[in-house]
């Protein structure tokens, strides 16, 4: 591979890429859970939640590519298997049957907050490394998930 000379040394790039891969893995796990909830939601709020979950999983699907491509721009690899994603994520994804709609909302809220906290950690790593591009990407991810958490929190009140 050609030497990477972007103003970030190899160790810094590796540490930022690790943080990005944590966010990527959390996003992938949350994407899968949200998509499954979209398919399986039932009850009086069906339409509202079905549509909201679709908006959320579509946004995350786009974000996955952006985060993975940033990892690659740093000269590292993104996870390549479900096993790797499962090892790196902090998102619990052990549903064996669909929970009730209200429980779906609560679980997704908790998961978005988990992702936000971990992305903040990644943001601190990127800022300390002087990696403005990764910091900007993580800032947008945090803002997006905070807005989603607010919407989910509003649904459960």
N, C-alpha and C. Protein backbone atom coordinates (compact mmCIF):
# COMPACT_ATOMS: atom_id res chain seq x y z
N UNK A 1 0.84 -1.19 0.00
CA UNK A 1 0.00 0.00 0.00
C UNK A 1 0.88 1.25 0.00
N UNK A 2 0.45 2.25 -0.71
CA UNK A 2 1.17 3.50 -0.76
C UNK A 2 1.13 4.18 0.61
N UNK A 3 2.24 4.80 0.98
CA UNK A 3 2.33 5.51 2.25
C UNK A 3 1.26 6.59 2.33
N UNK A 4 0.65 6.73 3.50
CA UNK A 4 -0.39 7.75 3.71
C UNK A 4 0.27 8.96 4.36
N UNK A 5 0.12 10.12 3.75
CA UNK A 5 0.74 11.34 4.24
C UNK A 5 -0.31 12.44 4.30
N UNK A 6 -1.20 12.35 5.29
CA UNK A 6 -2.30 13.31 5.41
C UNK A 6 -2.17 14.19 6.66
N UNK A 7 -1.01 14.16 7.29
CA UNK A 7 -0.79 14.99 8.46
C UNK A 7 -1.15 14.32 9.77
N UNK A 8 -1.49 13.04 9.72
CA UNK A 8 -1.80 12.26 10.93
C UNK A 8 -0.91 11.02 10.90
N UNK A 9 -0.14 10.82 11.96
CA UNK A 9 0.73 9.64 11.93
C UNK A 9 -0.07 8.35 12.08
N UNK A 10 0.58 7.24 11.81
CA UNK A 10 -0.10 5.95 11.75
C UNK A 10 -0.81 5.59 13.05
N UNK A 11 -0.18 5.83 14.19
CA UNK A 11 -0.81 5.49 15.47
C UNK A 11 -2.07 6.32 15.72
N UNK A 12 -2.00 7.58 15.35
CA UNK A 12 -3.16 8.46 15.51
C UNK A 12 -4.29 7.99 14.60
N UNK A 13 -3.94 7.70 13.35
CA UNK A 13 -4.96 7.23 12.41
C UNK A 13 -5.61 5.95 12.90
N UNK A 14 -4.82 5.04 13.46
CA UNK A 14 -5.35 3.78 13.98
C UNK A 14 -6.31 4.03 15.15
N UNK A 15 -5.94 4.92 16.06
CA UNK A 15 -6.80 5.16 17.23
C UNK A 15 -8.11 5.83 16.82
N UNK A 16 -8.06 6.75 15.87
CA UNK A 16 -9.29 7.38 15.39
C UNK A 16 -10.14 6.35 14.64
N UNK A 17 -9.51 5.53 13.82
CA UNK A 17 -10.24 4.51 13.08
C UNK A 17 -10.92 3.51 14.03
N UNK A 18 -10.26 3.16 15.12
CA UNK A 18 -10.87 2.27 16.11
C UNK A 18 -12.13 2.90 16.70
N UNK A 19 -12.04 4.19 17.02
CA UNK A 19 -13.21 4.89 17.56
C UNK A 19 -14.32 4.97 16.51
N UNK A 20 -13.96 5.23 15.27
CA UNK A 20 -14.95 5.26 14.20
C UNK A 20 -15.58 3.88 13.99
N UNK A 21 -14.78 2.84 14.09
CA UNK A 21 -15.32 1.48 13.93
C UNK A 21 -16.28 1.13 15.06
N UNK A 22 -16.06 1.68 16.25
CA UNK A 22 -17.02 1.48 17.35
C UNK A 22 -18.35 2.15 17.00
N UNK A 23 -18.29 3.37 16.51
CA UNK A 23 -19.51 4.08 16.09
C UNK A 23 -20.16 3.37 14.92
N UNK A 24 -19.36 2.90 13.98
CA UNK A 24 -19.88 2.16 12.83
C UNK A 24 -20.60 0.90 13.29
N UNK A 25 -20.01 0.17 14.20
CA UNK A 25 -20.62 -1.07 14.70
C UNK A 25 -21.90 -0.80 15.47
N UNK A 26 -21.88 0.24 16.30
CA UNK A 26 -23.09 0.60 17.03
C UNK A 26 -24.20 1.01 16.05
N UNK A 27 -23.83 1.77 15.04
CA UNK A 27 -24.81 2.22 14.05
C UNK A 27 -25.37 1.03 13.28
N UNK A 28 -24.52 0.09 12.90
CA UNK A 28 -24.98 -1.08 12.16
C UNK A 28 -25.95 -1.91 13.00
N UNK A 29 -25.61 -2.12 14.25
CA UNK A 29 -26.49 -2.89 15.14
C UNK A 29 -27.81 -2.18 15.36
N UNK A 30 -27.75 -0.87 15.56
CA UNK A 30 -28.97 -0.09 15.76
C UNK A 30 -29.79 -0.02 14.48
N UNK A 31 -29.13 0.06 13.34
CA UNK A 31 -29.82 0.01 12.05
C UNK A 31 -30.62 -1.28 11.94
N UNK A 32 -29.97 -2.41 12.22
CA UNK A 32 -30.65 -3.71 12.10
C UNK A 32 -31.84 -3.81 13.05
N UNK A 33 -31.66 -3.34 14.28
CA UNK A 33 -32.76 -3.41 15.25
C UNK A 33 -33.92 -2.50 14.81
N UNK A 34 -33.60 -1.30 14.38
CA UNK A 34 -34.64 -0.36 13.96
C UNK A 34 -35.39 -0.90 12.75
N UNK A 35 -34.66 -1.50 11.82
CA UNK A 35 -35.31 -2.06 10.63
C UNK A 35 -36.24 -3.21 11.02
N UNK A 36 -35.79 -4.07 11.92
CA UNK A 36 -36.63 -5.18 12.39
C UNK A 36 -37.86 -4.66 13.12
N UNK A 37 -37.69 -3.61 13.92
CA UNK A 37 -38.85 -3.03 14.61
C UNK A 37 -39.82 -2.43 13.61
N UNK A 38 -39.31 -1.81 12.56
CA UNK A 38 -40.16 -1.27 11.49
C UNK A 38 -41.04 -2.38 10.91
N UNK A 39 -40.46 -3.55 10.66
CA UNK A 39 -41.21 -4.66 10.10
C UNK A 39 -42.26 -5.20 11.06
N UNK A 40 -41.93 -5.18 12.35
CA UNK A 40 -42.70 -5.96 13.32
C UNK A 40 -43.55 -5.15 14.29
N UNK A 41 -43.56 -3.84 14.19
CA UNK A 41 -44.34 -3.04 15.12
C UNK A 41 -45.83 -3.30 14.90
N UNK A 42 -46.58 -3.32 16.00
CA UNK A 42 -48.03 -3.49 15.95
C UNK A 42 -48.67 -2.55 16.97
N UNK A 43 -49.96 -2.43 16.90
CA UNK A 43 -50.69 -1.66 17.90
C UNK A 43 -51.20 -0.35 17.38
N UNK A 44 -51.82 0.45 18.29
CA UNK A 44 -52.46 1.71 17.90
C UNK A 44 -51.51 2.73 17.27
N UNK A 45 -50.24 2.66 17.60
CA UNK A 45 -49.27 3.60 17.04
C UNK A 45 -48.55 3.01 15.82
N UNK A 46 -49.10 1.93 15.27
CA UNK A 46 -48.42 1.24 14.16
C UNK A 46 -47.94 2.20 13.08
N UNK A 47 -48.83 2.95 12.49
CA UNK A 47 -48.46 3.77 11.34
C UNK A 47 -47.38 4.79 11.71
N UNK A 48 -47.58 5.49 12.80
CA UNK A 48 -46.62 6.51 13.24
C UNK A 48 -45.23 5.89 13.45
N UNK A 49 -45.18 4.79 14.19
CA UNK A 49 -43.89 4.16 14.48
C UNK A 49 -43.29 3.51 13.23
N UNK A 50 -44.11 2.88 12.43
CA UNK A 50 -43.64 2.25 11.20
C UNK A 50 -42.92 3.28 10.32
N UNK A 51 -43.53 4.42 10.15
CA UNK A 51 -42.95 5.49 9.33
C UNK A 51 -41.70 6.07 10.00
N UNK A 52 -41.78 6.34 11.30
CA UNK A 52 -40.64 6.92 12.01
C UNK A 52 -39.44 5.97 11.98
N UNK A 53 -39.67 4.69 12.24
CA UNK A 53 -38.56 3.72 12.23
C UNK A 53 -37.93 3.65 10.84
N UNK A 54 -38.77 3.74 9.79
CA UNK A 54 -38.21 3.71 8.44
C UNK A 54 -37.32 4.92 8.19
N UNK A 55 -37.75 6.09 8.59
CA UNK A 55 -36.92 7.29 8.43
C UNK A 55 -35.59 7.10 9.16
N UNK A 56 -35.65 6.54 10.35
CA UNK A 56 -34.44 6.36 11.15
C UNK A 56 -33.49 5.34 10.52
N UNK A 57 -34.02 4.18 10.10
CA UNK A 57 -33.08 3.19 9.56
C UNK A 57 -32.52 3.62 8.21
N UNK A 58 -33.29 4.37 7.42
CA UNK A 58 -32.75 4.86 6.15
C UNK A 58 -31.62 5.87 6.39
N UNK A 59 -31.77 6.71 7.38
CA UNK A 59 -30.71 7.68 7.70
C UNK A 59 -29.45 6.94 8.14
N UNK A 60 -29.62 5.94 9.00
CA UNK A 60 -28.46 5.19 9.48
C UNK A 60 -27.78 4.42 8.36
N UNK A 61 -28.56 3.90 7.40
CA UNK A 61 -27.98 3.16 6.29
C UNK A 61 -27.01 4.05 5.51
N UNK A 62 -27.40 5.29 5.27
CA UNK A 62 -26.52 6.23 4.58
C UNK A 62 -25.29 6.54 5.42
N UNK A 63 -25.49 6.72 6.71
CA UNK A 63 -24.38 7.06 7.61
C UNK A 63 -23.35 5.94 7.67
N UNK A 64 -23.79 4.70 7.58
CA UNK A 64 -22.85 3.58 7.63
C UNK A 64 -21.77 3.72 6.58
N UNK A 65 -22.16 4.06 5.37
CA UNK A 65 -21.20 4.20 4.28
C UNK A 65 -20.24 5.36 4.56
N UNK A 66 -20.76 6.47 5.06
CA UNK A 66 -19.91 7.63 5.34
C UNK A 66 -18.85 7.31 6.39
N UNK A 67 -19.26 6.63 7.46
CA UNK A 67 -18.32 6.31 8.53
C UNK A 67 -17.30 5.29 8.04
N UNK A 68 -17.76 4.25 7.35
CA UNK A 68 -16.83 3.22 6.85
C UNK A 68 -15.82 3.83 5.87
N UNK A 69 -16.27 4.72 5.01
CA UNK A 69 -15.35 5.33 4.06
C UNK A 69 -14.34 6.24 4.75
N UNK A 70 -14.72 6.84 5.86
CA UNK A 70 -13.76 7.64 6.62
C UNK A 70 -12.68 6.73 7.23
N UNK A 71 -13.10 5.58 7.73
CA UNK A 71 -12.14 4.60 8.26
C UNK A 71 -11.14 4.23 7.17
N UNK A 72 -11.65 3.97 5.98
CA UNK A 72 -10.77 3.60 4.86
C UNK A 72 -9.85 4.76 4.47
N UNK A 73 -10.36 5.99 4.52
CA UNK A 73 -9.52 7.16 4.19
C UNK A 73 -8.35 7.29 5.16
N UNK A 74 -8.55 6.78 6.37
CA UNK A 74 -7.47 6.80 7.37
C UNK A 74 -6.50 5.64 7.19
N UNK A 75 -6.76 4.78 6.21
CA UNK A 75 -5.85 3.68 5.92
C UNK A 75 -6.12 2.41 6.71
N UNK A 76 -7.27 2.35 7.36
CA UNK A 76 -7.64 1.17 8.15
C UNK A 76 -8.84 0.49 7.49
N UNK A 77 -9.20 -0.66 8.03
CA UNK A 77 -10.33 -1.40 7.48
C UNK A 77 -11.53 -1.31 8.41
N UNK A 78 -12.70 -1.26 7.80
CA UNK A 78 -13.97 -1.34 8.53
C UNK A 78 -14.25 -2.82 8.80
N UNK A 79 -15.10 -3.12 9.78
CA UNK A 79 -15.47 -4.51 10.02
C UNK A 79 -16.01 -5.16 8.75
N UNK A 80 -15.72 -6.44 8.61
CA UNK A 80 -16.12 -7.14 7.39
C UNK A 80 -17.11 -8.27 7.63
N UNK A 81 -17.56 -8.44 8.87
CA UNK A 81 -18.48 -9.54 9.14
C UNK A 81 -19.43 -9.17 10.28
N UNK A 82 -20.54 -9.88 10.32
CA UNK A 82 -21.47 -9.71 11.43
C UNK A 82 -20.79 -10.00 12.76
N UNK A 83 -19.90 -10.97 12.75
CA UNK A 83 -19.18 -11.32 13.97
C UNK A 83 -18.34 -10.14 14.47
N UNK A 84 -17.63 -9.48 13.56
CA UNK A 84 -16.84 -8.31 13.96
C UNK A 84 -17.73 -7.19 14.48
N UNK A 85 -18.83 -6.92 13.79
CA UNK A 85 -19.76 -5.89 14.27
C UNK A 85 -20.25 -6.23 15.67
N UNK A 86 -20.62 -7.50 15.88
CA UNK A 86 -21.13 -7.93 17.19
C UNK A 86 -20.07 -7.77 18.28
N UNK A 87 -18.82 -8.02 17.95
CA UNK A 87 -17.73 -7.89 18.93
C UNK A 87 -17.47 -6.43 19.29
N UNK A 88 -17.68 -5.54 18.36
CA UNK A 88 -17.34 -4.12 18.56
C UNK A 88 -18.48 -3.27 19.10
N UNK A 89 -19.71 -3.73 18.97
CA UNK A 89 -20.86 -2.89 19.34
C UNK A 89 -21.15 -2.93 20.83
N UNK A 90 -21.73 -1.86 21.31
CA UNK A 90 -22.25 -1.80 22.69
C UNK A 90 -23.78 -1.89 22.68
N UNK A 91 -24.36 -2.07 21.50
CA UNK A 91 -25.81 -2.13 21.35
C UNK A 91 -26.26 -3.57 21.54
N UNK A 92 -27.17 -3.77 22.48
CA UNK A 92 -27.74 -5.10 22.71
C UNK A 92 -28.73 -5.42 21.60
N UNK A 93 -28.58 -6.56 21.00
CA UNK A 93 -29.45 -6.94 19.90
C UNK A 93 -29.84 -8.40 20.05
N UNK A 94 -30.48 -8.72 21.17
CA UNK A 94 -30.79 -10.11 21.50
C UNK A 94 -32.27 -10.44 21.44
N UNK A 95 -33.06 -9.60 20.79
CA UNK A 95 -34.49 -9.88 20.69
C UNK A 95 -34.71 -11.21 19.96
N UNK A 96 -35.49 -12.08 20.54
CA UNK A 96 -35.86 -13.33 19.87
C UNK A 96 -37.30 -13.27 19.37
N UNK A 97 -38.02 -12.28 19.84
CA UNK A 97 -39.36 -12.00 19.34
C UNK A 97 -39.60 -10.50 19.50
N UNK A 98 -40.48 -9.94 18.68
CA UNK A 98 -40.69 -8.49 18.74
C UNK A 98 -41.32 -8.06 20.07
N UNK A 99 -40.75 -7.05 20.70
CA UNK A 99 -41.39 -6.51 21.90
C UNK A 99 -42.60 -5.66 21.52
N UNK A 100 -43.37 -5.28 22.51
CA UNK A 100 -44.49 -4.37 22.29
C UNK A 100 -43.97 -3.02 21.80
N UNK A 101 -44.81 -2.28 21.13
CA UNK A 101 -44.41 -1.01 20.52
C UNK A 101 -43.75 -0.06 21.52
N UNK A 102 -44.34 0.09 22.69
CA UNK A 102 -43.76 0.98 23.70
C UNK A 102 -42.37 0.54 24.13
N UNK A 103 -42.18 -0.76 24.23
CA UNK A 103 -40.87 -1.30 24.59
C UNK A 103 -39.87 -1.07 23.46
N UNK A 104 -40.33 -1.16 22.23
CA UNK A 104 -39.45 -0.85 21.09
C UNK A 104 -38.90 0.57 21.20
N UNK A 105 -39.80 1.49 21.49
CA UNK A 105 -39.40 2.90 21.62
C UNK A 105 -38.38 3.04 22.75
N UNK A 106 -38.64 2.43 23.89
CA UNK A 106 -37.73 2.54 25.03
C UNK A 106 -36.36 1.94 24.72
N UNK A 107 -36.35 0.80 24.07
CA UNK A 107 -35.07 0.14 23.73
C UNK A 107 -34.29 0.97 22.72
N UNK A 108 -34.97 1.48 21.73
CA UNK A 108 -34.28 2.30 20.74
C UNK A 108 -33.74 3.58 21.37
N UNK A 109 -34.50 4.18 22.26
CA UNK A 109 -34.03 5.37 22.96
C UNK A 109 -32.75 5.06 23.73
N UNK A 110 -32.76 4.00 24.49
CA UNK A 110 -31.57 3.61 25.24
C UNK A 110 -30.38 3.35 24.31
N UNK A 111 -30.63 2.71 23.19
CA UNK A 111 -29.56 2.41 22.24
C UNK A 111 -29.00 3.67 21.59
N UNK A 112 -29.86 4.60 21.23
CA UNK A 112 -29.36 5.87 20.67
C UNK A 112 -28.51 6.60 21.70
N UNK A 113 -28.92 6.59 22.94
CA UNK A 113 -28.13 7.25 23.99
C UNK A 113 -26.78 6.55 24.19
N UNK A 114 -26.75 5.23 24.09
CA UNK A 114 -25.49 4.49 24.16
C UNK A 114 -24.59 4.90 23.01
N UNK A 115 -25.15 4.95 21.81
CA UNK A 115 -24.37 5.33 20.64
C UNK A 115 -23.83 6.76 20.79
N UNK A 116 -24.64 7.65 21.29
CA UNK A 116 -24.22 9.04 21.49
C UNK A 116 -23.02 9.10 22.43
N UNK A 117 -23.10 8.39 23.55
CA UNK A 117 -21.99 8.42 24.51
C UNK A 117 -20.71 7.88 23.89
N UNK A 118 -20.82 6.80 23.16
CA UNK A 118 -19.62 6.22 22.53
C UNK A 118 -19.09 7.12 21.41
N UNK A 119 -19.98 7.76 20.66
CA UNK A 119 -19.54 8.68 19.61
C UNK A 119 -18.84 9.90 20.23
N UNK A 120 -19.30 10.34 21.39
CA UNK A 120 -18.62 11.45 22.09
C UNK A 120 -17.20 11.06 22.45
N UNK A 121 -17.01 9.82 22.88
CA UNK A 121 -15.67 9.34 23.16
C UNK A 121 -14.81 9.38 21.89
N UNK A 122 -15.39 8.92 20.80
CA UNK A 122 -14.68 8.98 19.53
C UNK A 122 -14.37 10.40 19.10
N UNK A 123 -15.30 11.30 19.35
CA UNK A 123 -15.08 12.71 19.04
C UNK A 123 -13.90 13.26 19.81
N UNK A 124 -13.81 12.94 21.09
CA UNK A 124 -12.67 13.40 21.90
C UNK A 124 -11.35 12.87 21.34
N UNK A 125 -11.34 11.62 20.91
CA UNK A 125 -10.13 11.02 20.33
C UNK A 125 -9.76 11.75 19.04
N UNK A 126 -10.75 11.99 18.18
CA UNK A 126 -10.49 12.67 16.91
C UNK A 126 -10.01 14.10 17.14
N UNK A 127 -10.62 14.80 18.09
CA UNK A 127 -10.19 16.18 18.37
C UNK A 127 -8.78 16.21 18.92
N UNK A 128 -8.48 15.30 19.83
CA UNK A 128 -7.13 15.25 20.40
C UNK A 128 -6.10 14.93 19.31
N UNK A 129 -6.50 14.14 18.34
CA UNK A 129 -5.59 13.77 17.25
C UNK A 129 -5.45 14.88 16.22
N UNK A 130 -6.31 15.90 16.29
CA UNK A 130 -6.29 16.96 15.29
C UNK A 130 -6.91 16.52 13.97
N UNK A 131 -7.79 15.53 14.03
CA UNK A 131 -8.46 15.00 12.84
C UNK A 131 -9.83 15.67 12.69
N UNK A 132 -9.81 16.83 12.05
CA UNK A 132 -11.03 17.62 11.91
C UNK A 132 -12.11 16.89 11.10
N UNK A 133 -11.71 16.15 10.08
CA UNK A 133 -12.70 15.46 9.24
C UNK A 133 -13.46 14.41 10.05
N UNK A 134 -12.75 13.61 10.83
CA UNK A 134 -13.43 12.60 11.66
C UNK A 134 -14.25 13.28 12.75
N UNK A 135 -13.71 14.36 13.33
CA UNK A 135 -14.45 15.08 14.37
C UNK A 135 -15.75 15.64 13.80
N UNK A 136 -15.69 16.21 12.60
CA UNK A 136 -16.91 16.74 11.97
C UNK A 136 -17.92 15.63 11.72
N UNK A 137 -17.46 14.51 11.22
CA UNK A 137 -18.35 13.39 10.95
C UNK A 137 -19.02 12.90 12.24
N UNK A 138 -18.24 12.77 13.30
CA UNK A 138 -18.80 12.31 14.57
C UNK A 138 -19.74 13.35 15.18
N UNK A 139 -19.44 14.62 14.99
CA UNK A 139 -20.33 15.68 15.48
C UNK A 139 -21.71 15.56 14.82
N UNK A 140 -21.72 15.35 13.53
CA UNK A 140 -22.99 15.18 12.81
C UNK A 140 -23.72 13.94 13.30
N UNK A 141 -22.99 12.85 13.53
CA UNK A 141 -23.62 11.63 14.03
C UNK A 141 -24.23 11.88 15.41
N UNK A 142 -23.52 12.57 16.27
CA UNK A 142 -24.04 12.87 17.61
C UNK A 142 -25.31 13.71 17.49
N UNK A 143 -25.26 14.76 16.68
CA UNK A 143 -26.43 15.62 16.50
C UNK A 143 -27.63 14.82 15.99
N UNK A 144 -27.41 13.97 15.04
CA UNK A 144 -28.50 13.18 14.45
C UNK A 144 -29.11 12.24 15.49
N UNK A 145 -28.26 11.55 16.24
CA UNK A 145 -28.77 10.60 17.23
C UNK A 145 -29.40 11.31 18.43
N UNK A 146 -28.90 12.50 18.78
CA UNK A 146 -29.55 13.27 19.84
C UNK A 146 -30.96 13.69 19.41
N UNK A 147 -31.12 14.10 18.16
CA UNK A 147 -32.45 14.48 17.67
C UNK A 147 -33.37 13.26 17.66
N UNK A 148 -32.86 12.13 17.23
CA UNK A 148 -33.66 10.90 17.22
C UNK A 148 -34.05 10.51 18.63
N UNK A 149 -33.11 10.61 19.57
CA UNK A 149 -33.41 10.28 20.97
C UNK A 149 -34.50 11.20 21.50
N UNK A 150 -34.43 12.46 21.17
CA UNK A 150 -35.47 13.41 21.60
C UNK A 150 -36.83 12.99 21.05
N UNK A 151 -36.88 12.61 19.78
CA UNK A 151 -38.15 12.20 19.18
C UNK A 151 -38.68 10.94 19.85
N UNK A 152 -37.81 9.98 20.10
CA UNK A 152 -38.23 8.75 20.77
C UNK A 152 -38.69 9.03 22.20
N UNK A 153 -37.96 9.90 22.88
CA UNK A 153 -38.32 10.27 24.26
C UNK A 153 -39.71 10.93 24.26
N UNK A 154 -39.99 11.74 23.25
CA UNK A 154 -41.29 12.40 23.16
C UNK A 154 -42.41 11.41 22.89
N UNK A 155 -42.11 10.32 22.23
CA UNK A 155 -43.12 9.29 21.96
C UNK A 155 -43.49 8.52 23.22
N UNK A 156 -42.58 8.46 24.17
CA UNK A 156 -42.81 7.62 25.36
C UNK A 156 -43.38 8.40 26.53
N UNK A 157 -43.67 9.67 26.33
CA UNK A 157 -44.18 10.48 27.44
C UNK A 157 -45.69 10.54 27.43
